[in-house]
Amino acid sequence: MFAKKSLGQNFLKSKGAVREIIAAARIVLTDTVLEIGPGKGVLTESLLETGAKVLAIEKDDRLIEFLKEKFMSFVETGKFELIHADILEFSPSAHNLAPSSYKLVANIPYYITGEVMRQFLTNTAQPSLMVLMVQKEVAQRITRKDGKESILSISAQAYGNPTYIGTVKAKFFSPAPKVDSAILLIDAISKNSFDSLSEEWFFKVVKAGFAHKRKFVVNNLEIIAPKEKIIALFSTLSLPLKSRAETIPFNSWLEIARALKS
């Protein structure tokens, strides 16, 4: 079974990486796990061994019968359900997945990382947590390994607690990608940050702040509010007027967005 380049397939073959994923997701017998792209079923097998119910979404039609046959005993007991679909068109609520009632675990193609994160973090039926295999550099950016914020890191923090679990070398995939991967955990997922603030407005402010990285944020935000108001706000929040977007922490972005909305 060769990997399809068009689907961005890189089949995981490391048992050690699988154990790290299972541990990071803290999977127990009563869990429901949504797996994206089970591939040859290396991760799926370990997920099922925990006793959890696994709902797997696979786009590649070649793998459907293979997976059904491989996990026939789990299909018969109702512990494994396989859906032939594109994850980007998948609706959790349409498959009876309520908010925080499931965990998302996946080795996803690099090219849909951003779309998958956005789809499930902003969904009304969010998972309680997600553990994703992503490109190493993306995981580092999300978890601020260099100490700098980005739109990616701010977005992840807006919905949960992102943690860099570990690096997985390219050699542990078939075929081996050109870059290393990393296991990323986003825990405690919720929309609590938006109790008194709309998601749309918050991200409008953040994107404006990051629009020109070489410019100071007070100048970038002039398209949102008068500069005098922004300067006064930065003084109130004890933020340097010469702050650039990457130096402003998530909680301060929340305060900025709330203040500029009023």
Foldseek 3Di string as FASTA:
>chain_A
DADDVVQLDWAFQDPVVLVLLCVLQVDAQAAEEEEEACDQPPNVVVNVVRNAAYEYEHQDPVCPVNVCVVPVVCVVVNSYHYDHDDPLPDDCVVVVQAAQRHEYEYAHRQVCVVVNCCPQLVHNRHHQKYKYKYFPVLLCQLQVVVVWHDLNVLSLVQFFDKDWRAKAAQVRIVVRDPGIITIMMGHRGDNVLPPPHDPVLLSVLLCQLQVDQVAASLVSCCVLDPSVQVVVQCVVVVHDRRHHSGNDDNVVSSVSSVSSVD
